Amino acid sequence: MKRFFKIYMTFTSQYIKRLVHYRLDFAIGVLSFVFVQFSGILLITLVFQQIPDLNGYTFEQMVFFYGFFQLPRGLDHLITDNIWLIPNKIRKGDLDRHLLRPIDPCFKSLRNVSNMKP
């Protein structure tokens, strides 16, 4: 399992390097991410300017909830954002390159599959 995690981290680091390679595109993506987060906080601020508390929750608590719910979203985008690229790879015919590599693309070993209990 450690080997597959190392391979996954290598592929993820190469993906991040590819994103950073196009600096303007990367900068626009970062700025749009910051804008979306800022607009979410701004919306909460506008709501709490009109209403002092929302069902017993204060402004600080709602900002905490907003940030707390954004953490899994950010981790999801960091770890599994490559999954959205699979249909493009299939259409372009680039998925064959991954299927022909000497490692299993599903990160499972035949030895482990044969030892699995039903």
PDB file of N, CA and C in Angstrom:
ATOM      1  N   MET A   1       0.827  -1.188   0.000  1.00  0.00           N
ATOM      2  CA  MET A   1       0.000   0.000   0.000  1.00  0.00           C
ATOM      3  C   MET A   1       0.874   1.256   0.000  1.00  0.00           C
ATOM      4  N   LYS A   2       2.013   1.183   0.702  1.00  0.00           N
ATOM      5  CA  LYS A   2       2.902   2.342   0.758  1.00  0.00           C
ATOM      6  C   LYS A   2       3.423   2.680  -0.633  1.00  0.00           C
ATOM      7  N   ARG A   3       3.691   1.643  -1.422  1.00  0.00           N
ATOM      8  CA  ARG A   3       4.186   1.855  -2.789  1.00  0.00           C
ATOM      9  C   ARG A   3       3.157   2.601  -3.631  1.00  0.00           C
ATOM     10  N   PHE A   4       1.887   2.211  -3.533  1.00  0.00           N
ATOM     11  CA  PHE A   4       0.842   2.859  -4.312  1.00  0.00           C
ATOM     12  C   PHE A   4       0.614   4.295  -3.851  1.00  0.00           C
ATOM     13  N   PHE A   5       0.735   4.533  -2.554  1.00  0.00           N
ATOM     14  CA  PHE A   5       0.605   5.898  -2.048  1.00  0.00           C
ATOM     15  C   PHE A   5       1.736   6.768  -2.594  1.00  0.00           C
ATOM     16  N   LYS A   6       2.937   6.216  -2.651  1.00  0.00           N
ATOM     17  CA  LYS A   6       4.079   6.964  -3.190  1.00  0.00           C
ATOM     18  C   LYS A   6       3.869   7.265  -4.673  1.00  0.00           C
ATOM     19  N   ILE A   7       3.351   6.295  -5.418  1.00  0.00           N
ATOM     20  CA  ILE A   7       3.064   6.507  -6.838  1.00  0.00           C
ATOM     21  C   ILE A   7       1.984   7.577  -7.002  1.00  0.00           C
ATOM     22  N   TYR A   8       0.946   7.504  -6.190  1.00  0.00           N
ATOM     23  CA  TYR A   8      -0.129   8.497  -6.259  1.00  0.00           C
ATOM     24  C   TYR A   8       0.406   9.887  -5.963  1.00  0.00           C
ATOM     25  N   MET A   9       1.254  10.011  -4.935  1.00  0.00           N
ATOM     26  CA  MET A   9       1.817  11.315  -4.596  1.00  0.00           C
ATOM     27  C   MET A   9       2.707  11.836  -5.723  1.00  0.00           C
ATOM     28  N   THR A  10       3.429  10.945  -6.395  1.00  0.00           N
ATOM     29  CA  THR A  10       4.258  11.354  -7.530  1.00  0.00           C
ATOM     30  C   THR A  10       3.392  11.881  -8.665  1.00  0.00           C
ATOM     31  N   PHE A  11       2.317  11.173  -8.984  1.00  0.00           N
ATOM     32  CA  PHE A  11       1.415  11.629 -10.044  1.00  0.00           C
ATOM     33  C   PHE A  11       0.763  12.955  -9.665  1.00  0.00           C
ATOM     34  N   THR A  12       0.365  13.089  -8.400  1.00  0.00           N
ATOM     35  CA  THR A  12      -0.266  14.335  -7.960  1.00  0.00           C
ATOM     36  C   THR A  12       0.715  15.497  -8.019  1.00  0.00           C
ATOM     37  N   SER A  13       1.957  15.267  -7.627  1.00  0.00           N
ATOM     38  CA  SER A  13       2.942  16.345  -7.694  1.00  0.00           C
ATOM     39  C   SER A  13       3.214  16.742  -9.143  1.00  0.00           C
ATOM     40  N   GLN A  14       3.215  15.779 -10.061  1.00  0.00           N
ATOM     41  CA  GLN A  14       3.392  16.117 -11.476  1.00  0.00           C
ATOM     42  C   GLN A  14       2.204  16.915 -11.998  1.00  0.00           C
ATOM     43  N   TYR A  15       1.001  16.579 -11.546  1.00  0.00           N
ATOM     44  CA  TYR A  15      -0.194  17.327 -11.943  1.00  0.00           C
ATOM     45  C   TYR A  15      -0.112  18.769 -11.445  1.00  0.00           C
ATOM     46  N   ILE A  16       0.321  18.957 -10.210  1.00  0.00           N
ATOM     47  CA  ILE A  16       0.454  20.310  -9.659  1.00  0.00           C
ATOM     48  C   ILE A  16       1.535  21.085 -10.405  1.00  0.00           C
ATOM     49  N   LYS A  17       2.633  20.420 -10.741  1.00  0.00           N
ATOM     50  CA  LYS A  17       3.685  21.082 -11.531  1.00  0.00           C
ATOM     51  C   LYS A  17       3.154  21.522 -12.887  1.00  0.00           C
ATOM     52  N   ARG A  18       2.301  20.682 -13.479  1.00  0.00           N
ATOM     53  CA  ARG A  18       1.719  21.038 -14.777  1.00  0.00           C
ATOM     54  C   ARG A  18       0.790  22.240 -14.645  1.00  0.00           C
ATOM     55  N   LEU A  19       0.036  22.309 -13.549  1.00  0.00           N
ATOM     56  CA  LEU A  19      -0.832  23.460 -13.329  1.00  0.00           C
ATOM     57  C   LEU A  19      -0.028  24.742 -13.136  1.00  0.00           C
ATOM     58  N   VAL A  20       1.056  24.674 -12.386  1.00  0.00           N
ATOM     59  CA  VAL A  20       1.865  25.857 -12.076  1.00  0.00           C
ATOM     60  C   VAL A  20       2.674  26.294 -13.300  1.00  0.00           C
ATOM     61  N   HIS A  21       2.906  25.377 -14.235  1.00  0.00           N
ATOM     62  CA  HIS A  21       3.710  25.700 -15.419  1.00  0.00           C
ATOM     63  C   HIS A  21       3.094  26.860 -16.210  1.00  0.00           C
ATOM     64  N   TYR A  22       1.783  26.886 -16.342  1.00  0.00           N
ATOM     65  CA  TYR A  22       1.090  27.981 -17.016  1.00  0.00           C
ATOM     66  C   TYR A  22       0.740  29.019 -15.957  1.00  0.00           C
ATOM     67  N   ARG A  23       1.638  29.947 -15.739  1.00  0.00           N
ATOM     68  CA  ARG A  23       1.563  30.859 -14.597  1.00  0.00           C
ATOM     69  C   ARG A  23       0.326  31.737 -14.613  1.00  0.00           C
ATOM     70  N   LEU A  24      -0.018  32.295 -15.763  1.00  0.00           N
ATOM     71  CA  LEU A  24      -1.179  33.182 -15.819  1.00  0.00           C
ATOM     72  C   LEU A  24      -2.460  32.403 -15.539  1.00  0.00           C
ATOM     73  N   ASP A  25      -2.595  31.232 -16.124  1.00  0.00           N
ATOM     74  CA  ASP A  25      -3.767  30.390 -15.875  1.00  0.00           C
ATOM     75  C   ASP A  25      -3.847  30.014 -14.399  1.00  0.00           C
ATOM     76  N   PHE A  26      -2.704  29.667 -13.807  1.00  0.00           N
ATOM     77  CA  PHE A  26      -2.676  29.325 -12.388  1.00  0.00           C
ATOM     78  C   PHE A  26      -3.054  30.533 -11.530  1.00  0.00           C
ATOM     79  N   ALA A  27      -2.519  31.713 -11.875  1.00  0.00           N
ATOM     80  CA  ALA A  27      -2.824  32.929 -11.109  1.00  0.00           C
ATOM     81  C   ALA A  27      -4.305  33.279 -11.204  1.00  0.00           C
ATOM     82  N   ILE A  28      -4.892  33.138 -12.396  1.00  0.00           N
ATOM     83  CA  ILE A  28      -6.320  33.409 -12.558  1.00  0.00           C
ATOM     84  C   ILE A  28      -7.137  32.413 -11.735  1.00  0.00           C
ATOM     85  N   GLY A  29      -6.726  31.153 -11.715  1.00  0.00           N
ATOM     86  CA  GLY A  29      -7.425  30.154 -10.907  1.00  0.00           C
ATOM     87  C   GLY A  29      -7.355  30.460  -9.422  1.00  0.00           C
ATOM     88  N   VAL A  30      -6.181  30.866  -8.944  1.00  0.00           N
ATOM     89  CA  VAL A  30      -6.032  31.211  -7.523  1.00  0.00           C
ATOM     90  C   VAL A  30      -6.862  32.441  -7.189  1.00  0.00           C
ATOM     91  N   LEU A  31      -6.817  33.448  -8.064  1.00  0.00           N
ATOM     92  CA  LEU A  31      -7.602  34.667  -7.815  1.00  0.00           C
ATOM     93  C   LEU A  31      -9.102  34.382  -7.831  1.00  0.00           C
ATOM     94  N   SER A  32      -9.545  33.516  -8.728  1.00  0.00           N
ATOM     95  CA  SER A  32     -10.976  33.181  -8.745  1.00  0.00           C
ATOM     96  C   SER A  32     -11.372  32.401  -7.497  1.00  0.00           C
ATOM     97  N   PHE A  33     -10.490  31.527  -7.013  1.00  0.00           N
ATOM     98  CA  PHE A  33     -10.764  30.807  -5.774  1.00  0.00           C
ATOM     99  C   PHE A  33     -10.881  31.778  -4.602  1.00  0.00           C
ATOM    100  N   VAL A  34      -9.950  32.740  -4.528  1.00  0.00           N
ATOM    101  CA  VAL A  34      -9.988  33.739  -3.447  1.00  0.00           C
ATOM    102  C   VAL A  34     -11.256  34.582  -3.562  1.00  0.00           C
ATOM    103  N   PHE A  35     -11.641  34.929  -4.791  1.00  0.00           N
ATOM    104  CA  PHE A  35     -12.855  35.720  -4.997  1.00  0.00           C
ATOM    105  C   PHE A  35     -14.095  34.963  -4.530  1.00  0.00           C
ATOM    106  N   VAL A  36     -14.179  33.687  -4.842  1.00  0.00           N
ATOM    107  CA  VAL A  36     -15.340  32.882  -4.417  1.00  0.00           C
ATOM    108  C   VAL A  36     -15.402  32.814  -2.896  1.00  0.00           C
ATOM    109  N   GLN A  37     -14.265  32.590  -2.242  1.00  0.00           N
ATOM    110  CA  GLN A  37     -14.265  32.526  -0.778  1.00  0.00           C
ATOM    111  C   GLN A  37     -14.603  33.888  -0.173  1.00  0.00           C
ATOM    112  N   PHE A  38     -14.059  34.950  -0.748  1.00  0.00           N
ATOM    113  CA  PHE A  38     -14.350  36.293  -0.260  1.00  0.00           C
ATOM    114  C   PHE A  38     -15.823  36.640  -0.440  1.00  0.00           C
ATOM    115  N   SER A  39     -16.415  36.244  -1.572  1.00  0.00           N
ATOM    116  CA  SER A  39     -17.832  36.537  -1.790  1.00  0.00           C
ATOM    117  C   SER A  39     -18.713  35.750  -0.817  1.00  0.00           C
ATOM    118  N   GLY A  40     -18.311  34.545  -0.427  1.00  0.00           N
ATOM    119  CA  GLY A  40     -19.068  33.788   0.576  1.00  0.00           C
ATOM    120  C   GLY A  40     -19.060  34.489   1.922  1.00  0.00           C
ATOM    121  N   ILE A  41     -17.885  34.981   2.332  1.00  0.00           N
ATOM    122  CA  ILE A  41     -17.784  35.722   3.594  1.00  0.00           C
ATOM    123  C   ILE A  41     -18.563  37.021   3.495  1.00  0.00           C
ATOM    124  N   LEU A  42     -18.497  37.683   2.333  1.00  0.00           N
ATOM    125  CA  LEU A  42     -19.244  38.933   2.129  1.00  0.00           C
ATOM    126  C   LEU A  42     -20.749  38.699   2.240  1.00  0.00           C
ATOM    127  N   LEU A  43     -21.233  37.595   1.697  1.00  0.00           N
ATOM    128  CA  LEU A  43     -22.656  37.275   1.798  1.00  0.00           C
ATOM    129  C   LEU A  43     -23.057  37.072   3.257  1.00  0.00           C
ATOM    130  N   ILE A  44     -22.246  36.353   3.997  1.00  0.00           N
ATOM    131  CA  ILE A  44     -22.552  36.155   5.421  1.00  0.00           C
ATOM    132  C   ILE A  44     -22.547  37.497   6.148  1.00  0.00           C
ATOM    133  N   THR A  45     -21.607  38.374   5.815  1.00  0.00           N
ATOM    134  CA  THR A  45     -21.536  39.699   6.432  1.00  0.00           C
ATOM    135  C   THR A  45     -22.782  40.511   6.114  1.00  0.00           C
ATOM    136  N   LEU A  46     -23.218  40.481   4.855  1.00  0.00           N
ATOM    137  CA  LEU A  46     -24.415  41.234   4.474  1.00  0.00           C
ATOM    138  C   LEU A  46     -25.658  40.718   5.191  1.00  0.00           C
ATOM    139  N   VAL A  47     -25.768  39.421   5.343  1.00  0.00           N
ATOM    140  CA  VAL A  47     -26.919  38.855   6.054  1.00  0.00           C
ATOM    141  C   VAL A  47     -26.910  39.299   7.514  1.00  0.00           C
ATOM    142  N   PHE A  48     -25.737  39.254   8.140  1.00  0.00           N
ATOM    143  CA  PHE A  48     -25.673  39.590   9.560  1.00  0.00           C
ATOM    144  C   PHE A  48     -25.705  41.093   9.819  1.00  0.00           C
ATOM    145  N   GLN A  49     -25.568  41.919   8.797  1.00  0.00           N
ATOM    146  CA  GLN A  49     -25.797  43.350   8.976  1.00  0.00           C
ATOM    147  C   GLN A  49     -27.276  43.639   9.129  1.00  0.00           C
ATOM    148  N   GLN A  50     -28.112  42.792   8.546  1.00  0.00           N
ATOM    149  CA  GLN A  50     -29.556  42.973   8.629  1.00  0.00           C
ATOM    150  C   GLN A  50     -30.167  42.195   9.799  1.00  0.00           C
ATOM    151  N   ILE A  51     -29.566  41.081  10.139  1.00  0.00           N
ATOM    152  CA  ILE A  51     -30.101  40.209  11.187  1.00  0.00           C
ATOM    153  C   ILE A  51     -28.993  39.998  12.214  1.00  0.00           C
ATOM    154  N   PRO A  52     -29.229  40.348  13.497  1.00  0.00           N
ATOM    155  CA  PRO A  52     -28.158  40.227  14.500  1.00  0.00           C
ATOM    156  C   PRO A  52     -27.739  38.783  14.782  1.00  0.00           C
ATOM    157  N   ASP A  53     -28.681  37.861  14.823  1.00  0.00           N
ATOM    158  CA  ASP A  53     -28.331  36.450  14.985  1.00  0.00           C
ATOM    159  C   ASP A  53     -29.303  35.613  14.169  1.00  0.00           C
ATOM    160  N   LEU A  54     -28.803  34.520  13.689  1.00  0.00           N
ATOM    161  CA  LEU A  54     -29.571  33.661  12.804  1.00  0.00           C
ATOM    162  C   LEU A  54     -29.810  32.339  13.516  1.00  0.00           C
ATOM    163  N   ASN A  55     -31.025  32.189  14.052  1.00  0.00           N
ATOM    164  CA  ASN A  55     -31.404  30.978  14.784  1.00  0.00           C
ATOM    165  C   ASN A  55     -30.444  30.711  15.948  1.00  0.00           C
ATOM    166  N   GLY A  56     -30.006  31.794  16.589  1.00  0.00           N
ATOM    167  CA  GLY A  56     -29.136  31.666  17.745  1.00  0.00           C
ATOM    168  C   GLY A  56     -27.655  31.661  17.424  1.00  0.00           C
ATOM    169  N   TYR A  57     -27.277  31.640  16.141  1.00  0.00           N
ATOM    170  CA  TYR A  57     -25.876  31.643  15.741  1.00  0.00           C
ATOM    171  C   TYR A  57     -25.395  33.066  15.499  1.00  0.00           C
ATOM    172  N   THR A  58     -24.196  33.364  15.971  1.00  0.00           N
ATOM    173  CA  THR A  58     -23.608  34.683  15.766  1.00  0.00           C
ATOM    174  C   THR A  58     -22.818  34.711  14.456  1.00  0.00           C
ATOM    175  N   PHE A  59     -22.370  35.887  14.081  1.00  0.00           N
ATOM    176  CA  PHE A  59     -21.584  36.063  12.864  1.00  0.00           C
ATOM    177  C   PHE A  59     -20.315  35.225  12.912  1.00  0.00           C
ATOM    178  N   GLU A  60     -19.609  35.261  14.033  1.00  0.00           N
ATOM    179  CA  GLU A  60     -18.352  34.516  14.162  1.00  0.00           C
ATOM    180  C   GLU A  60     -18.572  33.014  14.024  1.00  0.00           C
ATOM    181  N   GLN A  61     -19.672  32.523  14.603  1.00  0.00           N
ATOM    182  CA  GLN A  61     -19.974  31.102  14.491  1.00  0.00           C
ATOM    183  C   GLN A  61     -20.285  30.710  13.046  1.00  0.00           C
ATOM    184  N   MET A  62     -21.007  31.563  12.342  1.00  0.00           N
ATOM    185  CA  MET A  62     -21.334  31.259  10.941  1.00  0.00           C
ATOM    186  C   MET A  62     -20.086  31.296  10.058  1.00  0.00           C
ATOM    187  N   VAL A  63     -19.170  32.223  10.330  1.00  0.00           N
ATOM    188  CA  VAL A  63     -17.914  32.255   9.573  1.00  0.00           C
ATOM    189  C   VAL A  63     -17.106  30.990   9.865  1.00  0.00           C
ATOM    190  N   PHE A  64     -17.125  30.553  11.122  1.00  0.00           N
ATOM    191  CA  PHE A  64     -16.445  29.299  11.465  1.00  0.00           C
ATOM    192  C   PHE A  64     -17.070  28.127  10.717  1.00  0.00           C
ATOM    193  N   PHE A  65     -18.404  28.055  10.695  1.00  0.00           N
ATOM    194  CA  PHE A  65     -19.080  26.976   9.967  1.00  0.00           C
ATOM    195  C   PHE A  65     -18.729  27.024   8.482  1.00  0.00           C
ATOM    196  N   TYR A  66     -18.711  28.210   7.914  1.00  0.00           N
ATOM    197  CA  TYR A  66     -18.369  28.360   6.498  1.00  0.00           C
ATOM    198  C   TYR A  66     -16.958  27.824   6.229  1.00  0.00           C
ATOM    199  N   GLY A  67     -16.018  28.231   7.044  1.00  0.00           N
ATOM    200  CA  GLY A  67     -14.645  27.757   6.881  1.00  0.00           C
ATOM    201  C   GLY A  67     -14.524  26.262   7.124  1.00  0.00           C
ATOM    202  N   PHE A  68     -15.245  25.772   8.121  1.00  0.00           N
ATOM    203  CA  PHE A  68     -15.192  24.349   8.451  1.00  0.00           C
ATOM    204  C   PHE A  68     -15.750  23.501   7.315  1.00  0.00           C
ATOM    205  N   PHE A  69     -16.803  23.991   6.647  1.00  0.00           N
ATOM    206  CA  PHE A  69     -17.376  23.245   5.536  1.00  0.00           C
ATOM    207  C   PHE A  69     -16.570  23.406   4.251  1.00  0.00           C
ATOM    208  N   GLN A  70     -15.718  24.401   4.174  1.00  0.00           N
ATOM    209  CA  GLN A  70     -14.878  24.567   2.997  1.00  0.00           C
ATOM    210  C   GLN A  70     -13.635  23.672   3.040  1.00  0.00           C
ATOM    211  N   LEU A  71     -13.229  23.228   4.233  1.00  0.00           N
ATOM    212  CA  LEU A  71     -12.060  22.347   4.346  1.00  0.00           C
ATOM    213  C   LEU A  71     -12.226  21.039   3.568  1.00  0.00           C
ATOM    214  N   PRO A  72     -13.326  20.295   3.743  1.00  0.00           N
ATOM    215  CA  PRO A  72     -13.466  19.060   2.955  1.00  0.00           C
ATOM    216  C   PRO A  72     -13.556  19.334   1.459  1.00  0.00           C
ATOM    217  N   ARG A  73     -14.161  20.440   1.107  1.00  0.00           N
ATOM    218  CA  ARG A  73     -14.257  20.798  -0.313  1.00  0.00           C
ATOM    219  C   ARG A  73     -12.862  21.033  -0.900  1.00  0.00           C
ATOM    220  N   GLY A  74     -12.032  21.737  -0.159  1.00  0.00           N
ATOM    221  CA  GLY A  74     -10.668  21.984  -0.624  1.00  0.00           C
ATOM    222  C   GLY A  74      -9.853  20.714  -0.709  1.00  0.00           C
ATOM    223  N   LEU A  75      -9.992  19.836   0.284  1.00  0.00           N
ATOM    224  CA  LEU A  75      -9.277  18.556   0.244  1.00  0.00           C
ATOM    225  C   LEU A  75      -9.754  17.695  -0.914  1.00  0.00           C
ATOM    226  N   ASP A  76     -11.063  17.726  -1.176  1.00  0.00           N
ATOM    227  CA  ASP A  76     -11.612  16.977  -2.297  1.00  0.00           C
ATOM    228  C   ASP A  76     -11.018  17.463  -3.614  1.00  0.00           C
ATOM    229  N   HIS A  77     -10.945  18.766  -3.777  1.00  0.00           N
ATOM    230  CA  HIS A  77     -10.374  19.306  -5.012  1.00  0.00           C
ATOM    231  C   HIS A  77      -8.894  18.997  -5.123  1.00  0.00           C
ATOM    232  N   LEU A  78      -8.195  18.999  -4.029  1.00  0.00           N
ATOM    233  CA  LEU A  78      -6.760  18.718  -4.058  1.00  0.00           C
ATOM    234  C   LEU A  78      -6.488  17.262  -4.407  1.00  0.00           C
ATOM    235  N   ILE A  79      -7.256  16.347  -3.816  1.00  0.00           N
ATOM    236  CA  ILE A  79      -6.964  14.923  -3.953  1.00  0.00           C
ATOM    237  C   ILE A  79      -7.629  14.299  -5.174  1.00  0.00           C
ATOM    238  N   THR A  80      -8.879  14.643  -5.458  1.00  0.00           N
ATOM    239  CA  THR A  80      -9.623  13.920  -6.498  1.00  0.00           C
ATOM    240  C   THR A  80      -9.961  14.757  -7.718  1.00  0.00           C
ATOM    241  N   ASP A  81      -9.340  15.901  -7.895  1.00  0.00           N
ATOM    242  CA  ASP A  81      -9.678  16.740  -9.045  1.00  0.00           C
ATOM    243  C   ASP A  81      -9.249  16.107 -10.355  1.00  0.00           C
ATOM    244  N   ASN A  82      -8.275  15.192 -10.316  1.00  0.00           N
ATOM    245  CA  ASN A  82      -7.840  14.518 -11.543  1.00  0.00           C
ATOM    246  C   ASN A  82      -8.926  13.624 -12.128  1.00  0.00           C
ATOM    247  N   ILE A  83      -9.892  13.202 -11.316  1.00  0.00           N
ATOM    248  CA  ILE A  83     -10.945  12.301 -11.800  1.00  0.00           C
ATOM    249  C   ILE A  83     -11.766  12.977 -12.899  1.00  0.00           C
ATOM    250  N   TRP A  84     -11.937  14.295 -12.800  1.00  0.00           N
ATOM    251  CA  TRP A  84     -12.718  15.019 -13.803  1.00  0.00           C
ATOM    252  C   TRP A  84     -12.013  15.048 -15.161  1.00  0.00           C
ATOM    253  N   LEU A  85     -10.725  14.734 -15.186  1.00  0.00           N
ATOM    254  CA  LEU A  85      -9.978  14.745 -16.443  1.00  0.00           C
ATOM    255  C   LEU A  85     -10.112  13.441 -17.221  1.00  0.00           C
ATOM    256  N   ILE A  86     -10.648  12.394 -16.603  1.00  0.00           N
ATOM    257  CA  ILE A  86     -10.728  11.085 -17.256  1.00  0.00           C
ATOM    258  C   ILE A  86     -11.572  11.107 -18.532  1.00  0.00           C
ATOM    259  N   PRO A  87     -12.774  11.729 -18.565  1.00  0.00           N
ATOM    260  CA  PRO A  87     -13.523  11.741 -19.845  1.00  0.00           C
ATOM    261  C   PRO A  87     -12.758  12.410 -20.982  1.00  0.00           C
ATOM    262  N   ASN A  88     -12.030  13.485 -20.696  1.00  0.00           N
ATOM    263  CA  ASN A  88     -11.218  14.115 -21.741  1.00  0.00           C
ATOM    264  C   ASN A  88     -10.118  13.183 -22.214  1.00  0.00           C
ATOM    265  N   LYS A  89      -9.499  12.468 -21.289  1.00  0.00           N
ATOM    266  CA  LYS A  89      -8.446  11.521 -21.662  1.00  0.00           C
ATOM    267  C   LYS A  89      -9.009  10.399 -22.536  1.00  0.00           C
ATOM    268  N   ILE A  90     -10.227   9.957 -22.250  1.00  0.00           N
ATOM    269  CA  ILE A  90     -10.856   8.904 -23.057  1.00  0.00           C
ATOM    270  C   ILE A  90     -11.140   9.421 -24.460  1.00  0.00           C
ATOM    271  N   ARG A  91     -11.706  10.635 -24.550  1.00  0.00           N
ATOM    272  CA  ARG A  91     -12.020  11.196 -25.873  1.00  0.00           C
ATOM    273  C   ARG A  91     -10.772  11.428 -26.716  1.00  0.00           C
ATOM    274  N   LYS A  92      -9.692  11.884 -26.082  1.00  0.00           N
ATOM    275  CA  LYS A  92      -8.454  12.158 -26.821  1.00  0.00           C
ATOM    276  C   LYS A  92      -7.636  10.895 -27.077  1.00  0.00           C
ATOM    277  N   GLY A  93      -7.944   9.800 -26.388  1.00  0.00           N
ATOM    278  CA  GLY A  93      -7.185   8.568 -26.544  1.00  0.00           C
ATOM    279  C   GLY A  93      -5.942   8.524 -25.667  1.00  0.00           C
ATOM    280  N   ASP A  94      -5.841   9.419 -24.681  1.00  0.00           N
ATOM    281  CA  ASP A  94      -4.669   9.455 -23.807  1.00  0.00           C
ATOM    282  C   ASP A  94      -4.750   8.458 -22.654  1.00  0.00           C
ATOM    283  N   LEU A  95      -5.908   7.866 -22.431  1.00  0.00           N
ATOM    284  CA  LEU A  95      -6.041   6.939 -21.311  1.00  0.00           C
ATOM    285  C   LEU A  95      -5.248   5.655 -21.564  1.00  0.00           C
ATOM    286  N   ASP A  96      -5.048   5.308 -22.831  1.00  0.00           N
ATOM    287  CA  ASP A  96      -4.285   4.104 -23.155  1.00  0.00           C
ATOM    288  C   ASP A  96      -2.873   4.166 -22.590  1.00  0.00           C
ATOM    289  N   ARG A  97      -2.308   5.355 -22.534  1.00  0.00           N
ATOM    290  CA  ARG A  97      -0.951   5.518 -21.990  1.00  0.00           C
ATOM    291  C   ARG A  97      -0.913   5.060 -20.537  1.00  0.00           C
ATOM    292  N   HIS A  98      -1.967   5.363 -19.777  1.00  0.00           N
ATOM    293  CA  HIS A  98      -2.017   4.942 -18.370  1.00  0.00           C
ATOM    294  C   HIS A  98      -2.265   3.436 -18.246  1.00  0.00           C
ATOM    295  N   LEU A  99      -3.054   2.896 -19.157  1.00  0.00           N
ATOM    296  CA  LEU A  99      -3.378   1.470 -19.077  1.00  0.00           C
ATOM    297  C   LEU A  99      -2.203   0.587 -19.484  1.00  0.00           C
ATOM    298  N   LEU A 100      -1.260   1.122 -20.256  1.00  0.00           N
ATOM    299  CA  LEU A 100      -0.118   0.339 -20.718  1.00  0.00           C
ATOM    300  C   LEU A 100       1.098   0.444 -19.809  1.00  0.00           C
ATOM    301  N   ARG A 101       1.015   1.226 -18.760  1.00  0.00           N
ATOM    302  CA  ARG A 101       2.139   1.354 -17.831  1.00  0.00           C
ATOM    303  C   ARG A 101       2.319   0.059 -17.047  1.00  0.00           C
ATOM    304  N   PRO A 102       3.523  -0.138 -16.478  1.00  0.00           N
ATOM    305  CA  PRO A 102       3.774  -1.389 -15.759  1.00  0.00           C
ATOM    306  C   PRO A 102       3.101  -1.470 -14.384  1.00  0.00           C
ATOM    307  N   ILE A 103       2.337  -0.438 -13.978  1.00  0.00           N
ATOM    308  CA  ILE A 103       1.610  -0.508 -12.705  1.00  0.00           C
ATOM    309  C   ILE A 103       0.124  -0.593 -12.988  1.00  0.00           C
ATOM    310  N   ASP A 104      -0.602  -1.150 -12.064  1.00  0.00           N
ATOM    311  CA  ASP A 104      -2.044  -1.280 -12.203  1.00  0.00           C
ATOM    312  C   ASP A 104      -2.692   0.093 -12.018  1.00  0.00           C
ATOM    313  N   PRO A 105      -3.506   0.576 -12.971  1.00  0.00           N
ATOM    314  CA  PRO A 105      -4.111   1.900 -12.830  1.00  0.00           C
ATOM    315  C   PRO A 105      -5.147   1.973 -11.708  1.00  0.00           C
ATOM    316  N   CYS A 106      -5.640   0.836 -11.256  1.00  0.00           N
ATOM    317  CA  CYS A 106      -6.623   0.831 -10.163  1.00  0.00           C
ATOM    318  C   CYS A 106      -5.968   0.641  -8.799  1.00  0.00           C
ATOM    319  N   PHE A 107      -4.649   0.567  -8.766  1.00  0.00           N
ATOM    320  CA  PHE A 107      -3.886   0.411  -7.516  1.00  0.00           C
ATOM    321  C   PHE A 107      -4.307  -0.823  -6.732  1.00  0.00           C
ATOM    322  N   LYS A 108      -4.481  -1.900  -7.427  1.00  0.00           N
ATOM    323  CA  LYS A 108      -4.754  -3.146  -6.722  1.00  0.00           C
ATOM    324  C   LYS A 108      -3.786  -4.204  -7.238  1.00  0.00           C
ATOM    325  N   SER A 109      -3.414  -5.054  -6.377  1.00  0.00           N
ATOM    326  CA  SER A 109      -2.473  -6.109  -6.742  1.00  0.00           C
ATOM    327  C   SER A 109      -3.246  -7.406  -6.911  1.00  0.00           C
ATOM    328  N   LEU A 110      -2.868  -8.189  -7.908  1.00  0.00           N
ATOM    329  CA  LEU A 110      -3.548  -9.468  -8.108  1.00  0.00           C
ATOM    330  C   LEU A 110      -3.337 -10.382  -6.910  1.00  0.00           C
ATOM    331  N   ARG A 111      -2.195 -10.266  -6.264  1.00  0.00           N
ATOM    332  CA  ARG A 111      -1.923 -11.076  -5.096  1.00  0.00           C
ATOM    333  C   ARG A 111      -2.911 -10.741  -3.977  1.00  0.00           C
ATOM    334  N   ASN A 112      -3.218  -9.435  -3.784  1.00  0.00           N
ATOM    335  CA  ASN A 112      -4.159  -9.040  -2.736  1.00  0.00           C
ATOM    336  C   ASN A 112      -5.587  -9.429  -3.084  1.00  0.00           C
ATOM    337  N   VAL A 113      -5.936  -9.409  -4.372  1.00  0.00           N
ATOM    338  CA  VAL A 113      -7.289  -9.758  -4.776  1.00  0.00           C
ATOM    339  C   VAL A 113      -7.538 -11.244  -4.539  1.00  0.00           C
ATOM    340  N   SER A 114      -6.567 -12.089  -4.783  1.00  0.00           N
ATOM    341  CA  SER A 114      -6.764 -13.519  -4.598  1.00  0.00           C
ATOM    342  C   SER A 114      -6.877 -13.884  -3.121  1.00  0.00           C
ATOM    343  N   ASN A 115      -6.316 -13.045  -2.224  1.00  0.00           N
ATOM    344  CA  ASN A 115      -6.381 -13.320  -0.786  1.00  0.00           C
ATOM    345  C   ASN A 115      -7.607 -12.736  -0.119  1.00  0.00           C
ATOM    346  N   MET A 116      -8.441 -12.005  -0.875  1.00  0.00           N
ATOM    347  CA  MET A 116      -9.622 -11.378  -0.282  1.00  0.00           C
ATOM    348  C   MET A 116     -10.644 -12.437   0.092  1.00  0.00           C
ATOM    349  N   LYS A 117     -11.280 -12.240   1.239  1.00  0.00           N
ATOM    350  CA  LYS A 117     -12.323 -13.164   1.675  1.00  0.00           C
ATOM    351  C   LYS A 117     -13.667 -12.619   1.241  1.00  0.00           C
ATOM    352  N   PRO A 118     -14.617 -13.486   0.839  1.00  0.00           N
ATOM    353  CA  PRO A 118     -15.933 -13.013   0.398  1.00  0.00           C
ATOM    354  C   PRO A 118     -16.761 -12.465   1.528  1.00  0.00           C
TER     355      PRO A 118
END
